[in-house]
Amino acid sequence: MKKLKVNADACIGCGLCVNMAPDAFTLNDEGKSEAIAEMEDGAADEVIASCPVGAIEE
């Protein structure tokens, strides 16, 4: 299991991570993504790779 974090300064709020893993990410009041739960390693790696601005980190 991996606990991911989102660099709020880099996040553009596209919501791709929320669509891919709605149990692990949410959009906050500023429209930026926030990690809210741990993810399985493989799924976490996919979400990290999918972020268009590289804002998701371990």
PDB file of N, CA and C in Angstrom:
ATOM      1  N   MET A   1       0.850  -1.184   0.000  1.00  0.00           N
ATOM      2  CA  MET A   1       0.000   0.000   0.000  1.00  0.00           C
ATOM      3  C   MET A   1       0.887   1.236   0.000  1.00  0.00           C
ATOM      4  N   LYS A   2       0.430   2.251  -0.717  1.00  0.00           N
ATOM      5  CA  LYS A   2       1.166   3.503  -0.790  1.00  0.00           C
ATOM      6  C   LYS A   2       0.259   4.651  -0.386  1.00  0.00           C
ATOM      7  N   LYS A   3       0.809   5.555   0.391  1.00  0.00           N
ATOM      8  CA  LYS A   3       0.118   6.801   0.735  1.00  0.00           C
ATOM      9  C   LYS A   3       0.709   7.874  -0.159  1.00  0.00           C
ATOM     10  N   LEU A   4      -0.089   8.399  -1.050  1.00  0.00           N
ATOM     11  CA  LEU A   4       0.380   9.403  -1.997  1.00  0.00           C
ATOM     12  C   LEU A   4       0.106  10.795  -1.465  1.00  0.00           C
ATOM     13  N   LYS A   5       0.799  11.775  -2.020  1.00  0.00           N
ATOM     14  CA  LYS A   5       0.543  13.168  -1.694  1.00  0.00           C
ATOM     15  C   LYS A   5       0.518  13.961  -2.984  1.00  0.00           C
ATOM     16  N   VAL A   6      -0.165  15.064  -2.946  1.00  0.00           N
ATOM     17  CA  VAL A   6      -0.311  15.920  -4.119  1.00  0.00           C
ATOM     18  C   VAL A   6       0.380  17.250  -3.844  1.00  0.00           C
ATOM     19  N   ASN A   7       1.229  17.660  -4.769  1.00  0.00           N
ATOM     20  CA  ASN A   7       1.867  18.972  -4.695  1.00  0.00           C
ATOM     21  C   ASN A   7       0.827  19.989  -5.166  1.00  0.00           C
ATOM     22  N   ALA A   8       0.239  20.720  -4.222  1.00  0.00           N
ATOM     23  CA  ALA A   8      -0.843  21.655  -4.538  1.00  0.00           C
ATOM     24  C   ALA A   8      -0.383  22.787  -5.457  1.00  0.00           C
ATOM     25  N   ASP A   9       0.888  23.152  -5.375  1.00  0.00           N
ATOM     26  CA  ASP A   9       1.397  24.212  -6.243  1.00  0.00           C
ATOM     27  C   ASP A   9       1.451  23.759  -7.702  1.00  0.00           C
ATOM     28  N   ALA A  10       1.686  22.457  -7.917  1.00  0.00           N
ATOM     29  CA  ALA A  10       1.782  21.925  -9.274  1.00  0.00           C
ATOM     30  C   ALA A  10       0.426  21.481  -9.827  1.00  0.00           C
ATOM     31  N   CYS A  11      -0.485  21.095  -8.950  1.00  0.00           N
ATOM     32  CA  CYS A  11      -1.788  20.566  -9.373  1.00  0.00           C
ATOM     33  C   CYS A  11      -2.575  21.614 -10.153  1.00  0.00           C
ATOM     34  N   ILE A  12      -3.148  21.180 -11.289  1.00  0.00           N
ATOM     35  CA  ILE A  12      -3.976  22.075 -12.099  1.00  0.00           C
ATOM     36  C   ILE A  12      -5.470  21.769 -11.941  1.00  0.00           C
ATOM     37  N   GLY A  13      -5.796  20.787 -11.104  1.00  0.00           N
ATOM     38  CA  GLY A  13      -7.193  20.473 -10.821  1.00  0.00           C
ATOM     39  C   GLY A  13      -7.935  19.802 -11.956  1.00  0.00           C
ATOM     40  N   CYS A  14      -7.229  19.032 -12.778  1.00  0.00           N
ATOM     41  CA  CYS A  14      -7.888  18.385 -13.920  1.00  0.00           C
ATOM     42  C   CYS A  14      -8.842  17.280 -13.488  1.00  0.00           C
ATOM     43  N   GLY A  15      -8.619  16.681 -12.306  1.00  0.00           N
ATOM     44  CA  GLY A  15      -9.513  15.660 -11.784  1.00  0.00           C
ATOM     45  C   GLY A  15      -9.266  14.260 -12.292  1.00  0.00           C
ATOM     46  N   LEU A  16      -8.231  14.049 -13.071  1.00  0.00           N
ATOM     47  CA  LEU A  16      -7.959  12.716 -13.602  1.00  0.00           C
ATOM     48  C   LEU A  16      -7.733  11.710 -12.480  1.00  0.00           C
ATOM     49  N   CYS A  17      -6.979  12.093 -11.457  1.00  0.00           N
ATOM     50  CA  CYS A  17      -6.723  11.176 -10.343  1.00  0.00           C
ATOM     51  C   CYS A  17      -8.014  10.838  -9.595  1.00  0.00           C
ATOM     52  N   VAL A  18      -8.889  11.811  -9.459  1.00  0.00           N
ATOM     53  CA  VAL A  18     -10.174  11.579  -8.790  1.00  0.00           C
ATOM     54  C   VAL A  18     -11.019  10.602  -9.607  1.00  0.00           C
ATOM     55  N   ASN A  19     -10.993  10.747 -10.921  1.00  0.00           N
ATOM     56  CA  ASN A  19     -11.740   9.828 -11.783  1.00  0.00           C
ATOM     57  C   ASN A  19     -11.155   8.423 -11.745  1.00  0.00           C
ATOM     58  N   MET A  20      -9.830   8.326 -11.686  1.00  0.00           N
ATOM     59  CA  MET A  20      -9.170   7.021 -11.662  1.00  0.00           C
ATOM     60  C   MET A  20      -9.301   6.321 -10.311  1.00  0.00           C
ATOM     61  N   ALA A  21      -9.274   7.103  -9.236  1.00  0.00           N
ATOM     62  CA  ALA A  21      -9.283   6.524  -7.890  1.00  0.00           C
ATOM     63  C   ALA A  21     -10.115   7.387  -6.942  1.00  0.00           C
ATOM     64  N   PRO A  22     -11.441   7.358  -7.099  1.00  0.00           N
ATOM     65  CA  PRO A  22     -12.303   8.229  -6.286  1.00  0.00           C
ATOM     66  C   PRO A  22     -12.262   7.928  -4.791  1.00  0.00           C
ATOM     67  N   ASP A  23     -11.821   6.728  -4.408  1.00  0.00           N
ATOM     68  CA  ASP A  23     -11.712   6.406  -2.988  1.00  0.00           C
ATOM     69  C   ASP A  23     -10.422   6.940  -2.381  1.00  0.00           C
ATOM     70  N   ALA A  24      -9.472   7.342  -3.227  1.00  0.00           N
ATOM     71  CA  ALA A  24      -8.166   7.772  -2.738  1.00  0.00           C
ATOM     72  C   ALA A  24      -7.898   9.260  -2.937  1.00  0.00           C
ATOM     73  N   PHE A  25      -8.679   9.919  -3.812  1.00  0.00           N
ATOM     74  CA  PHE A  25      -8.464  11.340  -4.091  1.00  0.00           C
ATOM     75  C   PHE A  25      -9.779  12.095  -4.070  1.00  0.00           C
ATOM     76  N   THR A  26      -9.694  13.374  -3.750  1.00  0.00           N
ATOM     77  CA  THR A  26     -10.843  14.265  -3.797  1.00  0.00           C
ATOM     78  C   THR A  26     -10.356  15.638  -4.247  1.00  0.00           C
ATOM     79  N   LEU A  27     -11.271  16.446  -4.725  1.00  0.00           N
ATOM     80  CA  LEU A  27     -10.929  17.832  -5.047  1.00  0.00           C
ATOM     81  C   LEU A  27     -11.345  18.705  -3.868  1.00  0.00           C
ATOM     82  N   ASN A  28     -10.440  19.566  -3.440  1.00  0.00           N
ATOM     83  CA  ASN A  28     -10.735  20.437  -2.303  1.00  0.00           C
ATOM     84  C   ASN A  28     -11.492  21.690  -2.757  1.00  0.00           C
ATOM     85  N   ASP A  29     -11.745  22.601  -1.841  1.00  0.00           N
ATOM     86  CA  ASP A  29     -12.509  23.813  -2.136  1.00  0.00           C
ATOM     87  C   ASP A  29     -11.819  24.721  -3.143  1.00  0.00           C
ATOM     88  N   GLU A  30     -10.507  24.576  -3.289  1.00  0.00           N
ATOM     89  CA  GLU A  30      -9.749  25.377  -4.254  1.00  0.00           C
ATOM     90  C   GLU A  30      -9.676  24.695  -5.621  1.00  0.00           C
ATOM     91  N   GLY A  31     -10.312  23.517  -5.740  1.00  0.00           N
ATOM     92  CA  GLY A  31     -10.296  22.790  -6.998  1.00  0.00           C
ATOM     93  C   GLY A  31      -9.028  21.998  -7.238  1.00  0.00           C
ATOM     94  N   LYS A  32      -8.238  21.821  -6.184  1.00  0.00           N
ATOM     95  CA  LYS A  32      -7.001  21.047  -6.281  1.00  0.00           C
ATOM     96  C   LYS A  32      -7.233  19.662  -5.692  1.00  0.00           C
ATOM     97  N   SER A  33      -6.466  18.707  -6.185  1.00  0.00           N
ATOM     98  CA  SER A  33      -6.590  17.338  -5.709  1.00  0.00           C
ATOM     99  C   SER A  33      -5.924  17.163  -4.357  1.00  0.00           C
ATOM    100  N   GLU A  34      -6.491  16.258  -3.551  1.00  0.00           N
ATOM    101  CA  GLU A  34      -5.909  15.873  -2.274  1.00  0.00           C
ATOM    102  C   GLU A  34      -5.997  14.361  -2.157  1.00  0.00           C
ATOM    103  N   ALA A  35      -4.916  13.741  -1.699  1.00  0.00           N
ATOM    104  CA  ALA A  35      -4.926  12.307  -1.438  1.00  0.00           C
ATOM    105  C   ALA A  35      -5.572  12.077  -0.077  1.00  0.00           C
ATOM    106  N   ILE A  36      -6.542  11.157  -0.024  1.00  0.00           N
ATOM    107  CA  ILE A  36      -7.280  10.944   1.217  1.00  0.00           C
ATOM    108  C   ILE A  36      -7.183   9.518   1.733  1.00  0.00           C
ATOM    109  N   ALA A  37      -6.558   8.621   0.965  1.00  0.00           N
ATOM    110  CA  ALA A  37      -6.449   7.229   1.396  1.00  0.00           C
ATOM    111  C   ALA A  37      -5.274   6.558   0.703  1.00  0.00           C
ATOM    112  N   GLU A  38      -4.804   5.470   1.309  1.00  0.00           N
ATOM    113  CA  GLU A  38      -3.736   4.686   0.697  1.00  0.00           C
ATOM    114  C   GLU A  38      -4.279   3.920  -0.501  1.00  0.00           C
ATOM    115  N   MET A  39      -3.361   3.556  -1.396  1.00  0.00           N
ATOM    116  CA  MET A  39      -3.730   2.802  -2.599  1.00  0.00           C
ATOM    117  C   MET A  39      -2.835   1.583  -2.746  1.00  0.00           C
ATOM    118  N   GLU A  40      -3.330   0.575  -3.446  1.00  0.00           N
ATOM    119  CA  GLU A  40      -2.499  -0.571  -3.806  1.00  0.00           C
ATOM    120  C   GLU A  40      -1.348  -0.073  -4.665  1.00  0.00           C
ATOM    121  N   ASP A  41      -0.194  -0.719  -4.566  1.00  0.00           N
ATOM    122  CA  ASP A  41       1.016  -0.257  -5.243  1.00  0.00           C
ATOM    123  C   ASP A  41       0.834  -0.067  -6.751  1.00  0.00           C
ATOM    124  N   GLY A  42       0.276  -1.047  -7.443  1.00  0.00           N
ATOM    125  CA  GLY A  42       0.117  -0.965  -8.894  1.00  0.00           C
ATOM    126  C   GLY A  42      -0.805   0.172  -9.310  1.00  0.00           C
ATOM    127  N   ALA A  43      -1.924   0.303  -8.610  1.00  0.00           N
ATOM    128  CA  ALA A  43      -2.872   1.372  -8.919  1.00  0.00           C
ATOM    129  C   ALA A  43      -2.255   2.733  -8.625  1.00  0.00           C
ATOM    130  N   ALA A  44      -1.496   2.825  -7.542  1.00  0.00           N
ATOM    131  CA  ALA A  44      -0.840   4.084  -7.200  1.00  0.00           C
ATOM    132  C   ALA A  44       0.154   4.485  -8.280  1.00  0.00           C
ATOM    133  N   ASP A  45       0.911   3.517  -8.773  1.00  0.00           N
ATOM    134  CA  ASP A  45       1.879   3.805  -9.835  1.00  0.00           C
ATOM    135  C   ASP A  45       1.187   4.313 -11.096  1.00  0.00           C
ATOM    136  N   GLU A  46       0.020   3.757 -11.416  1.00  0.00           N
ATOM    137  CA  GLU A  46      -0.739   4.198 -12.596  1.00  0.00           C
ATOM    138  C   GLU A  46      -1.216   5.643 -12.438  1.00  0.00           C
ATOM    139  N   VAL A  47      -1.700   5.978 -11.250  1.00  0.00           N
ATOM    140  CA  VAL A  47      -2.183   7.339 -11.011  1.00  0.00           C
ATOM    141  C   VAL A  47      -1.019   8.331 -11.068  1.00  0.00           C
ATOM    142  N   ILE A  48       0.105   7.976 -10.465  1.00  0.00           N
ATOM    143  CA  ILE A  48       1.285   8.841 -10.506  1.00  0.00           C
ATOM    144  C   ILE A  48       1.674   9.114 -11.956  1.00  0.00           C
ATOM    145  N   ALA A  49       1.724   8.061 -12.763  1.00  0.00           N
ATOM    146  CA  ALA A  49       2.132   8.197 -14.165  1.00  0.00           C
ATOM    147  C   ALA A  49       1.113   8.977 -14.996  1.00  0.00           C
ATOM    148  N   SER A  50      -0.152   8.961 -14.591  1.00  0.00           N
ATOM    149  CA  SER A  50      -1.196   9.606 -15.393  1.00  0.00           C
ATOM    150  C   SER A  50      -1.294  11.112 -15.167  1.00  0.00           C
ATOM    151  N   CYS A  51      -0.759  11.622 -14.072  1.00  0.00           N
ATOM    152  CA  CYS A  51      -0.904  13.047 -13.777  1.00  0.00           C
ATOM    153  C   CYS A  51      -0.168  13.863 -14.844  1.00  0.00           C
ATOM    154  N   PRO A  52      -0.900  14.748 -15.543  1.00  0.00           N
ATOM    155  CA  PRO A  52      -0.287  15.486 -16.656  1.00  0.00           C
ATOM    156  C   PRO A  52       0.792  16.487 -16.236  1.00  0.00           C
ATOM    157  N   VAL A  53       0.800  16.864 -14.962  1.00  0.00           N
ATOM    158  CA  VAL A  53       1.812  17.819 -14.505  1.00  0.00           C
ATOM    159  C   VAL A  53       2.744  17.238 -13.448  1.00  0.00           C
ATOM    160  N   GLY A  54       2.650  15.934 -13.204  1.00  0.00           N
ATOM    161  CA  GLY A  54       3.541  15.277 -12.248  1.00  0.00           C
ATOM    162  C   GLY A  54       3.371  15.750 -10.817  1.00  0.00           C
ATOM    163  N   ALA A  55       2.142  16.082 -10.427  1.00  0.00           N
ATOM    164  CA  ALA A  55       1.893  16.626  -9.096  1.00  0.00           C
ATOM    165  C   ALA A  55       1.713  15.552  -8.015  1.00  0.00           C
ATOM    166  N   ILE A  56       1.573  14.285  -8.407  1.00  0.00           N
ATOM    167  CA  ILE A  56       1.324  13.224  -7.440  1.00  0.00           C
ATOM    168  C   ILE A  56       2.648  12.528  -7.123  1.00  0.00           C
ATOM    169  N   GLU A  57       2.923  12.376  -5.821  1.00  0.00           N
ATOM    170  CA  GLU A  57       4.181  11.804  -5.359  1.00  0.00           C
ATOM    171  C   GLU A  57       3.928  10.774  -4.280  1.00  0.00           C
ATOM    172  N   GLU A  58       4.929   9.925  -4.043  1.00  0.00           N
ATOM    173  CA  GLU A  58       4.851   8.984  -2.918  1.00  0.00           C
ATOM    174  C   GLU A  58       5.268   9.666  -1.643  1.00  0.00           C
TER     175      GLU A  58
END
